[in-house]
Amino acid sequence: MKYHIITLGCPKNSVDSEGMDGILSTQGHTPVAEFAAADVVIVNTCSFIAAARDETLEVLRTLGTAKTAGQRLIAAGCMAESHSDLVQAVPGVDATLSTRHWMRIGELVGGAVAQAVPAGQPERNIPLLDLQPVAGNGNAVQVPDQPLPDREGYADWRTAPIRRTQQGPSAYLKISDGCNLRCAFCTIPSFKGDMRSKAVGAVLGEAQELAAQGVHEIILIAQHLTDYGRDLGMQDGLATLLEELCGVLPSNTWLRLMYAYPHGITPRLIEVMAQHSQICAYLDMPLQHAHPDTLRRMRRPSDTERTKATIRALREAMPDIALRSTFIVGFPGETNREFRALLAFLEDVQFDRVGAFQYSQEPGTPAATLPGQVAPRIIERRRHELMQLQQEISLARNQQWQGRTLDVIVEGEGVTDDGQVLLVGRSFRDAPEVDGQVFVWGAAPVGARIQAHILHAAEYDLWGEIR
């Protein structure tokens, strides 16, 4: 059977899509690049904010209208769970699969050959699902909410399907799902549930599989990365996991950490990051704000001085570390004084990278009913002002690399007007999709690791030549 997967939303969804791809290909199904050529089309949906839900519904409606005779359309992932009624009501949707049950995609697609199992490993006997009709949408079906063995889908890596990654030299690795925090603006725990960590062995096995596929950079992601292993009874679980990963991966593999909450950054984690060259001197910390009153309304840790102390400790241990954060502007009750405190914090801390989001009033969240909702025009103005300030900071941080040499992973190439080859890649300072790039004059194959001598710095990108 031919299948086509469309992924909406964040990198964590991309990981789940690769997992579904691995299951289906291992069971004998065939991936195709075009929607029209597929027998089954799977949309891995996103429901993080209203704009993401609107995009999901528009994609589903478009695909449902364009379906040919015999084609099936499956809506999987976050919105299939958080807003199942809306998804199931879209004409043309034949089945839904919730975000916590994506490993059942093979059962839902059906018609597969026996799953291939590597030599010496036990066969897996997966029963067919008892699919129930979805009320009000013809023949659509919904996967029943039955518990999965081995921590709801986080099966032991020795029997888990191999992911099919198409990320080139980089790939994401999700080490946990769900979140124990209850931030006032966030809907994720309502449909993802509490945090569930993958076993260390499962993570190590998946990382080794990715390295064997030629991946040079593995990006660890989770809703709450620095809380990894707490539900498994581990202390300093992320530090322990990193040490284990460095022991089994090739010495030239990059490990990058995304979505690390600052109050989970322990002295041991900083020590492990500084000791192992495989771990990029890079950390993404989604702080969301800096004024204590705003943070309290957000139901976030409000000790900004402790956050500053953590940042100082990171820079003392790794002077070249690139630090990234994200902030929400216009959260309910945000006064001009609180916003100015956020700008002062940015000037003081000097992050290398910053993302700013306009507050989105999400129904069902505590923040949606808070008094003092900020006018959209004020939110937009504040975001613009914040990003203008950050541009100046980012430029200054980038200029510190002029005249120095950086290792760069080549991701593509182009040709300038005068015929020179220009490589496009990323250094340890740049996470894919969210940070800048390094443009390098010279020739090298995609996926290669090169040394670039930096000649020029812009607000977000660097320019150089092969050393």
Protein backbone atom coordinates (compact mmCIF):
# COMPACT_ATOMS: atom_id res chain seq x y z
CA MET A 1 0.00 0.00 0.00
CA LYS A 2 1.31 3.49 -0.87
CA TYR A 3 1.27 6.18 1.81
CA HIS A 4 2.09 9.88 2.07
CA ILE A 5 2.72 11.71 5.39
CA ILE A 6 2.22 15.45 5.89
CA THR A 7 3.61 16.94 9.11
CA LEU A 8 2.31 20.13 10.67
CA GLY A 9 3.70 21.86 13.74
CA CYS A 10 6.84 21.42 15.78
CA PRO A 11 9.90 19.12 15.58
CA LYS A 12 8.30 16.79 18.13
CA ASN A 13 5.62 16.08 15.52
CA SER A 14 8.34 15.45 12.94
CA VAL A 15 9.79 12.75 15.18
CA ASP A 16 6.40 11.05 15.48
CA SER A 17 5.94 11.24 11.70
CA GLU A 18 9.31 9.57 11.19
CA GLY A 19 8.22 6.89 13.65
CA MET A 20 5.02 6.27 11.67
CA ASP A 21 7.07 6.22 8.48
CA GLY A 22 9.35 3.60 10.00
CA ILE A 23 6.44 1.42 11.11
CA LEU A 24 4.71 1.51 7.74
CA SER A 25 7.85 0.92 5.67
CA THR A 26 8.93 -1.94 7.94
CA GLN A 27 5.51 -3.53 7.48
CA GLY A 28 5.93 -3.50 3.72
CA HIS A 29 4.09 -0.34 2.72
CA THR A 30 5.62 2.11 0.24
CA PRO A 31 6.15 5.85 0.83
CA VAL A 32 5.35 8.20 -2.06
CA ALA A 33 6.28 11.85 -2.47
CA GLU A 34 2.94 13.08 -3.79
CA PHE A 35 -0.50 13.09 -2.24
CA ALA A 36 -2.18 12.03 -5.50
CA ALA A 37 -0.13 8.84 -5.74
CA ALA A 38 -0.99 7.57 -2.25
CA ASP A 39 -3.57 5.03 -1.17
CA VAL A 40 -3.42 6.45 2.36
CA VAL A 41 -2.67 10.06 3.29
CA ILE A 42 -1.70 10.76 6.92
CA VAL A 43 -1.74 14.29 8.32
CA ASN A 44 0.13 14.67 11.62
CA THR A 45 -1.81 17.60 13.05
CA CYS A 46 -0.95 20.51 15.35
CA SER A 47 -3.21 22.29 17.85
CA PHE A 48 -0.79 24.45 19.85
CA ILE A 49 -2.51 27.77 19.10
CA ALA A 50 -5.53 28.92 17.11
CA ALA A 51 -3.47 29.64 13.98
CA ALA A 52 -2.11 26.08 14.02
CA ARG A 53 -5.61 24.64 14.39
CA ASP A 54 -6.88 26.78 11.52
CA GLU A 55 -4.03 25.53 9.33
CA THR A 56 -4.75 21.92 10.28
CA LEU A 57 -8.43 22.21 9.38
CA GLU A 58 -7.63 23.95 6.11
CA VAL A 59 -5.17 21.23 5.12
CA LEU A 60 -7.66 18.49 6.01
CA ARG A 61 -10.48 20.19 4.10
CA THR A 62 -8.29 20.64 1.03
CA LEU A 63 -7.15 17.01 1.07
CA GLY A 64 -10.65 15.74 1.81
CA THR A 65 -12.02 17.62 -1.20
CA ALA A 66 -9.21 16.41 -3.49
CA LYS A 67 -9.44 12.72 -2.50
CA THR A 68 -9.78 10.23 -5.32
CA ALA A 69 -11.87 7.06 -5.26
CA GLY A 70 -10.37 4.54 -2.84
CA GLN A 71 -8.03 7.02 -1.12
CA ARG A 72 -8.12 7.20 2.69
CA LEU A 73 -7.35 10.26 4.81
CA ILE A 74 -6.10 9.79 8.39
CA ALA A 75 -5.78 12.68 10.83
CA ALA A 76 -3.17 11.85 13.47
CA GLY A 77 -1.47 13.73 16.28
CA CYS A 78 -2.25 16.59 18.62
CA MET A 79 -5.41 18.07 17.14
CA ALA A 80 -6.84 14.63 16.48
CA GLU A 81 -6.80 14.28 20.28
CA SER A 82 -7.37 17.80 21.60
CA HIS A 83 -10.16 18.74 19.15
CA SER A 84 -11.31 15.36 17.90
CA ASP A 85 -14.88 16.50 17.22
CA LEU A 86 -13.70 19.27 14.89
CA VAL A 87 -11.30 16.94 13.07
CA GLN A 88 -13.79 14.09 12.71
CA ALA A 89 -16.38 16.49 11.28
CA VAL A 90 -14.18 17.44 8.31
CA PRO A 91 -15.62 15.80 5.17
CA GLY A 92 -13.25 13.20 3.81
CA VAL A 93 -11.49 12.31 7.06
CA ASP A 94 -11.69 8.53 7.32
CA ALA A 95 -9.97 7.93 10.67
CA THR A 96 -8.25 9.67 13.57
CA LEU A 97 -5.26 8.60 15.64
CA SER A 98 -4.38 10.50 18.82
CA THR A 99 -0.94 11.85 19.63
CA ARG A 100 -0.31 9.22 22.32
CA HIS A 101 -1.14 6.32 20.01
CA TRP A 102 0.80 7.04 16.83
CA MET A 103 2.55 3.66 17.11
CA ARG A 104 -0.76 2.08 16.07
CA ILE A 105 -0.60 3.57 12.60
CA GLY A 106 0.23 0.16 11.10
CA GLU A 107 -2.89 -1.34 12.60
CA LEU A 108 -5.00 1.52 11.30
CA VAL A 109 -3.60 1.42 7.76
CA GLY A 110 -4.05 -2.35 7.64
CA GLY A 111 -3.25 -4.71 4.79
CA ALA A 112 0.40 -4.93 5.73
CA VAL A 113 2.73 -7.84 5.34
CA ALA A 114 4.26 -9.31 8.49
CA GLN A 115 6.55 -6.83 10.20
CA ALA A 116 10.23 -7.55 9.63
CA VAL A 117 12.08 -8.26 12.86
CA PRO A 118 15.90 -8.09 13.07
CA ALA A 119 17.62 -11.42 13.59
CA GLY A 120 17.73 -12.59 17.18
CA GLN A 121 14.88 -10.37 18.34
CA PRO A 122 11.43 -11.58 19.39
CA GLU A 123 8.53 -11.22 16.99
CA ARG A 124 5.81 -8.75 17.92
CA ASN A 125 2.22 -9.84 17.85
CA ILE A 126 0.13 -6.69 17.33
CA PRO A 127 -3.62 -7.31 17.33
CA LEU A 128 -5.91 -5.51 14.92
CA LEU A 129 -7.87 -2.66 16.44
CA ASP A 130 -11.58 -2.72 17.03
CA LEU A 131 -12.28 0.48 15.08
CA GLN A 132 -15.47 2.33 15.91
CA PRO A 133 -17.46 4.53 13.48
CA VAL A 134 -17.13 8.25 14.09
CA ALA A 135 -20.55 9.74 14.68
CA GLY A 136 -21.69 12.17 12.01
CA ASN A 137 -18.98 11.50 9.45
CA GLY A 138 -19.99 8.56 7.30
CA ASN A 139 -17.39 5.81 7.35
CA ALA A 140 -14.81 7.59 9.50
CA VAL A 141 -13.34 5.59 12.36
CA GLN A 142 -11.51 6.48 15.55
CA VAL A 143 -8.83 4.47 17.28
CA PRO A 144 -10.13 3.55 20.74
CA ASP A 145 -8.21 4.88 23.70
CA GLN A 146 -6.69 1.58 24.80
CA PRO A 147 -3.45 1.54 26.80
CA LEU A 148 -0.31 0.54 24.97
CA PRO A 149 2.28 -1.74 26.59
CA ASP A 150 5.67 -0.48 27.67
CA ARG A 151 4.81 3.03 28.87
CA GLU A 152 2.18 3.93 26.27
CA GLY A 153 4.20 3.47 23.13
CA TYR A 154 7.72 3.89 24.46
CA ALA A 155 8.56 0.24 23.82
CA ASP A 156 12.00 -1.18 24.42
CA TRP A 157 14.28 -0.10 21.57
CA ARG A 158 15.19 -3.70 20.69
CA THR A 159 11.68 -4.30 19.37
CA ALA A 160 10.72 -0.74 18.35
CA PRO A 161 10.56 0.08 14.63
CA ILE A 162 13.44 1.92 13.01
CA ARG A 163 12.70 5.56 12.28
CA ARG A 164 12.99 6.70 8.70
CA THR A 165 14.63 10.10 8.99
CA GLN A 166 14.87 12.37 5.97
CA GLN A 167 16.46 15.30 7.77
CA GLY A 168 19.83 15.01 6.03
CA PRO A 169 22.79 15.44 8.39
CA SER A 170 20.56 16.37 11.36
CA ALA A 171 17.68 14.63 13.14
CA TYR A 172 15.51 15.21 16.20
CA LEU A 173 15.29 12.66 19.02
CA LYS A 174 12.37 12.99 21.42
CA ILE A 175 13.40 11.74 24.88
CA SER A 176 10.07 12.30 26.63
CA ASP A 177 6.53 13.37 25.87
CA GLY A 178 3.94 15.23 27.90
CA CYS A 179 4.64 17.73 30.66
CA ASN A 180 4.18 17.99 34.42
CA LEU A 181 4.12 21.77 34.37
CA ARG A 182 0.83 23.61 34.19
CA CYS A 183 1.71 26.96 32.66
CA ALA A 184 -1.31 29.24 32.51
CA PHE A 185 -1.07 29.84 28.74
CA CYS A 186 -0.38 26.29 27.57
CA THR A 187 -2.78 23.60 26.37
CA ILE A 188 -0.21 20.83 25.86
CA PRO A 189 -0.74 18.90 29.13
CA SER A 190 -4.48 18.76 28.41
CA PHE A 191 -3.91 16.44 25.45
CA LYS A 192 -0.35 15.17 25.94
CA GLY A 193 -0.77 14.30 29.61
CA ASP A 194 1.95 14.12 32.24
CA MET A 195 5.57 13.61 31.23
CA ARG A 196 6.58 10.12 30.19
CA SER A 197 10.31 9.55 29.71
CA LYS A 198 11.76 7.03 27.31
CA ALA A 199 14.00 4.49 28.98
CA VAL A 200 17.71 5.24 28.66
CA GLY A 201 18.22 2.10 26.58
CA ALA A 202 15.49 3.16 24.16
CA VAL A 203 17.11 6.56 23.65
CA LEU A 204 20.57 5.05 23.17
CA GLY A 205 19.26 2.57 20.63
CA GLU A 206 17.43 5.23 18.64
CA ALA A 207 20.48 7.50 18.68
CA GLN A 208 22.69 4.68 17.40
CA GLU A 209 20.20 3.95 14.62
CA LEU A 210 20.26 7.60 13.57
CA ALA A 211 24.07 7.66 13.56
CA ALA A 212 24.10 4.49 11.45
CA GLN A 213 21.85 6.29 8.93
CA GLY A 214 24.49 9.01 8.54
CA VAL A 215 23.09 11.60 10.93
CA HIS A 216 25.84 13.89 12.25
CA GLU A 217 23.74 16.03 14.58
CA ILE A 218 21.16 14.67 17.02
CA ILE A 219 18.87 17.25 18.60
CA LEU A 220 17.34 16.17 21.89
CA ILE A 221 13.82 17.53 22.35
CA ALA A 222 10.96 17.25 24.83
CA GLN A 223 8.30 19.46 26.33
CA HIS A 224 10.50 19.68 29.45
CA LEU A 225 13.98 18.41 28.57
CA THR A 226 15.66 19.04 31.93
CA ASP A 227 12.99 17.02 33.77
CA TYR A 228 13.99 13.88 31.89
CA GLY A 229 13.96 10.70 33.96
CA ARG A 230 12.18 12.08 37.01
CA ASP A 231 9.24 9.72 36.40
CA LEU A 232 11.75 6.85 36.12
CA GLY A 233 13.15 7.61 39.57
CA MET A 234 16.36 9.18 38.19
CA GLN A 235 18.21 12.12 39.66
CA ASP A 236 20.01 14.37 37.17
CA GLY A 237 18.52 12.16 34.50
CA LEU A 238 19.49 14.38 31.56
CA ALA A 239 23.13 14.53 32.67
CA THR A 240 23.19 10.75 33.03
CA LEU A 241 21.61 10.27 29.61
CA LEU A 242 24.11 12.62 27.96
CA GLU A 243 27.07 10.75 29.43
CA GLU A 244 25.64 7.47 28.14
CA LEU A 245 25.01 8.94 24.68
CA CYS A 246 28.55 10.29 24.44
CA GLY A 247 29.80 6.78 25.21
CA VAL A 248 27.94 5.05 22.37
CA LEU A 249 27.94 7.66 19.60
CA PRO A 250 30.80 8.47 17.21
CA SER A 251 33.13 11.13 18.57
CA ASN A 252 32.23 13.58 15.78
CA THR A 253 28.47 13.49 16.45
CA TRP A 254 26.88 16.68 17.68
CA LEU A 255 24.32 16.54 20.49
CA ARG A 256 22.12 19.63 20.80
CA LEU A 257 19.73 20.42 23.68
CA MET A 258 16.39 22.15 23.03
CA TYR A 259 13.61 23.27 25.40
CA ALA A 260 15.61 23.13 28.65
CA TYR A 261 13.86 24.83 31.56
CA PRO A 262 16.41 26.81 33.63
CA HIS A 263 15.41 25.50 37.06
CA GLY A 264 16.30 21.99 35.90
CA ILE A 265 19.82 23.01 34.84
CA THR A 266 21.93 21.54 37.62
CA PRO A 267 25.66 21.91 38.35
CA ARG A 268 26.17 18.31 37.18
CA LEU A 269 24.43 18.98 33.87
CA ILE A 270 26.64 22.02 33.27
CA GLU A 271 29.71 19.94 34.16
CA VAL A 272 28.75 17.15 31.74
CA MET A 273 28.08 19.62 28.94
CA ALA A 274 31.47 21.27 29.46
CA GLN A 275 33.38 17.97 29.64
CA HIS A 276 32.12 16.32 26.44
CA SER A 277 33.02 17.79 23.07
CA GLN A 278 30.12 15.92 21.42
CA ILE A 279 27.63 18.11 23.30
CA CYS A 280 27.20 21.43 21.52
CA ALA A 281 27.91 24.46 23.68
CA TYR A 282 24.35 25.54 23.00
CA LEU A 283 21.25 25.65 25.14
CA ASP A 284 17.68 26.68 24.41
CA MET A 285 15.85 27.90 27.54
CA PRO A 286 12.23 29.01 26.98
CA LEU A 287 11.92 31.60 29.75
CA GLN A 288 8.71 33.30 28.47
CA HIS A 289 9.25 36.47 30.56
CA ALA A 290 11.53 38.10 33.12
CA HIS A 291 9.32 40.15 35.43
CA PRO A 292 8.38 38.17 38.58
CA ASP A 293 4.75 39.35 38.57
CA THR A 294 4.22 38.31 34.95
CA LEU A 295 5.88 34.96 35.60
CA ARG A 296 3.62 34.31 38.60
CA ARG A 297 0.55 34.96 36.47
CA MET A 298 2.02 32.58 33.91
CA ARG A 299 2.47 29.97 36.66
CA ARG A 300 6.18 29.90 35.87
CA PRO A 301 9.19 30.07 38.22
CA SER A 302 9.50 33.74 39.15
CA ASP A 303 13.05 33.81 40.53
CA THR A 304 14.75 35.79 37.77
CA GLU A 305 17.93 36.24 39.82
CA ARG A 306 18.30 32.46 40.00
CA THR A 307 17.95 32.32 36.23
CA LYS A 308 20.70 34.91 35.84
CA ALA A 309 22.93 32.89 38.16
CA THR A 310 22.37 29.79 36.01
CA ILE A 311 23.31 31.74 32.88
CA ARG A 312 26.49 32.99 34.56
CA ALA A 313 27.41 29.43 35.56
CA LEU A 314 26.88 28.20 31.99
CA ARG A 315 29.12 30.93 30.57
CA GLU A 316 31.80 30.38 33.20
CA ALA A 317 31.95 26.69 32.28
CA MET A 318 31.60 27.26 28.50
CA PRO A 319 32.67 30.81 27.53
CA ASP A 320 31.58 30.36 23.91
CA ILE A 321 28.18 28.85 24.70
CA ALA A 322 25.32 30.07 22.51
CA LEU A 323 22.18 30.71 24.55
CA ARG A 324 18.71 30.93 23.06
CA SER A 325 15.39 31.80 24.68
CA THR A 326 11.79 32.57 23.77
CA PHE A 327 9.45 35.12 25.30
CA ILE A 328 5.75 35.94 25.23
CA VAL A 329 4.75 39.58 24.91
CA GLY A 330 1.32 40.86 25.81
CA PHE A 331 0.46 38.25 28.42
CA PRO A 332 -2.69 39.29 30.35
CA GLY A 333 -1.90 42.00 32.87
CA GLU A 334 1.49 42.85 31.36
CA THR A 335 2.04 46.49 32.22
CA ASN A 336 4.45 48.82 30.49
CA ARG A 337 6.68 48.56 33.58
CA GLU A 338 6.75 44.77 33.32
CA PHE A 339 7.54 44.93 29.61
CA ARG A 340 10.37 47.39 30.24
CA ALA A 341 11.77 44.98 32.83
CA LEU A 342 11.82 42.29 30.14
CA LEU A 343 13.79 44.58 27.80
CA ALA A 344 16.23 45.41 30.61
CA PHE A 345 16.69 41.69 31.25
CA LEU A 346 17.55 41.09 27.58
CA GLU A 347 20.11 43.91 27.63
CA ASP A 348 21.64 42.49 30.79
CA VAL A 349 21.77 38.81 29.81
CA GLN A 350 22.72 39.23 26.11
CA PHE A 351 21.23 36.09 24.58
CA ASP A 352 22.69 34.98 21.26
CA ARG A 353 19.25 34.07 19.89
CA VAL A 354 15.74 35.12 20.89
CA GLY A 355 12.27 34.33 19.62
CA ALA A 356 9.30 36.49 20.60
CA PHE A 357 5.68 35.39 20.39
CA GLN A 358 2.54 37.47 20.66
CA TYR A 359 0.25 36.13 23.37
CA SER A 360 -2.53 33.95 21.97
CA GLN A 361 -5.73 33.66 24.04
CA GLU A 362 -6.32 29.90 24.10
CA PRO A 363 -9.77 28.72 25.22
CA GLY A 364 -9.63 26.37 28.19
CA THR A 365 -6.39 27.78 29.62
CA PRO A 366 -6.32 29.72 32.90
CA ALA A 367 -4.76 32.70 31.08
CA ALA A 368 -7.75 33.04 28.77
CA THR A 369 -9.94 34.32 31.60
CA LEU A 370 -7.40 36.53 33.35
CA PRO A 371 -8.24 40.22 33.65
CA GLY A 372 -6.15 42.80 31.82
CA GLN A 373 -6.11 41.26 28.35
CA VAL A 374 -3.68 43.41 26.32
CA ALA A 375 -4.88 45.04 23.10
CA PRO A 376 -3.53 43.39 19.92
CA ARG A 377 -1.98 46.64 18.63
CA ILE A 378 0.01 46.99 21.88
CA ILE A 379 1.14 43.37 21.71
CA GLU A 380 2.35 43.83 18.14
CA ARG A 381 4.20 47.04 19.01
CA ARG A 382 5.91 45.42 21.99
CA ARG A 383 7.04 42.43 19.97
CA HIS A 384 8.50 44.73 17.32
CA GLU A 385 10.37 46.74 19.95
CA LEU A 386 11.74 43.60 21.61
CA MET A 387 13.00 42.16 18.33
CA GLN A 388 14.61 45.47 17.34
CA LEU A 389 16.58 45.40 20.59
CA GLN A 390 17.51 41.76 20.11
CA GLN A 391 18.76 42.43 16.57
CA GLU A 392 21.38 44.77 18.01
CA ILE A 393 22.36 42.21 20.65
CA SER A 394 22.52 39.36 18.12
CA LEU A 395 24.71 41.42 15.81
CA ALA A 396 27.14 42.18 18.62
CA ARG A 397 27.26 38.51 19.65
CA ASN A 398 27.86 37.42 16.04
CA GLN A 399 30.61 40.01 15.51
CA GLN A 400 32.64 38.33 18.25
CA TRP A 401 33.20 35.48 15.76
CA GLN A 402 34.79 37.60 13.02
CA GLY A 403 38.33 36.39 12.42
CA ARG A 404 37.69 33.08 14.19
CA THR A 405 37.13 29.58 12.83
CA LEU A 406 33.96 27.52 13.25
CA ASP A 407 33.08 23.92 12.44
CA VAL A 408 30.13 23.93 10.04
CA ILE A 409 27.78 21.15 8.88
CA VAL A 410 27.05 21.68 5.18
CA GLU A 411 23.32 21.53 4.39
CA GLY A 412 23.24 22.81 0.82
CA GLU A 413 24.94 24.95 -1.77
CA GLY A 414 24.31 27.61 -4.37
CA VAL A 415 26.21 29.55 -7.03
CA THR A 416 26.78 33.32 -6.89
CA ASP A 417 26.34 35.61 -9.90
CA ASP A 418 30.07 35.40 -10.67
CA GLY A 419 30.06 31.59 -10.63
CA GLN A 420 31.48 30.97 -7.16
CA VAL A 421 30.11 28.11 -5.10
CA LEU A 422 28.52 29.24 -1.84
CA LEU A 423 27.90 26.59 0.80
CA VAL A 424 25.05 26.92 3.30
CA GLY A 425 25.42 25.32 6.71
CA ARG A 426 25.17 25.67 10.47
CA SER A 427 27.66 25.86 13.31
CA PHE A 428 27.23 24.64 16.89
CA ARG A 429 25.58 28.04 17.54
CA ASP A 430 22.69 27.40 15.16
CA ALA A 431 19.76 25.05 15.66
CA PRO A 432 17.94 24.12 12.44
CA GLU A 433 14.85 26.11 11.43
CA VAL A 434 15.01 28.62 14.28
CA ASP A 435 18.52 30.13 14.22
CA GLY A 436 20.86 31.63 11.67
CA GLN A 437 23.13 30.06 9.07
CA VAL A 438 26.75 30.18 8.00
CA PHE A 439 27.44 30.97 4.33
CA VAL A 440 30.84 29.72 3.18
CA TRP A 441 32.72 30.25 -0.07
CA GLY A 442 34.21 26.96 -1.22
CA ALA A 443 33.22 23.45 -2.27
CA ALA A 444 32.18 20.49 -0.10
CA PRO A 445 29.50 17.81 -0.26
CA VAL A 446 26.22 18.14 1.62
CA GLY A 447 26.58 16.54 5.03
CA ALA A 448 30.30 17.26 5.28
CA ARG A 449 31.83 18.92 8.33
CA ILE A 450 34.10 21.80 7.30
CA GLN A 451 36.07 24.54 9.02
CA ALA A 452 35.01 28.05 8.08
CA HIS A 453 37.07 31.18 8.70
CA ILE A 454 34.52 33.90 9.52
CA LEU A 455 34.91 37.12 7.54
CA HIS A 456 31.63 38.96 8.13
CA ALA A 457 28.77 38.96 10.64
CA ALA A 458 25.18 40.07 10.15
CA GLU A 459 22.32 40.18 12.68
CA TYR A 460 21.52 36.50 12.31
CA ASP A 461 24.02 34.93 9.88
CA LEU A 462 27.78 34.60 9.43
CA TRP A 463 29.82 34.64 6.22
CA GLY A 464 33.20 33.01 5.70
CA GLU A 465 35.50 30.85 3.60
CA ILE A 466 36.79 27.28 3.93
CA ARG A 467 39.86 27.25 6.12
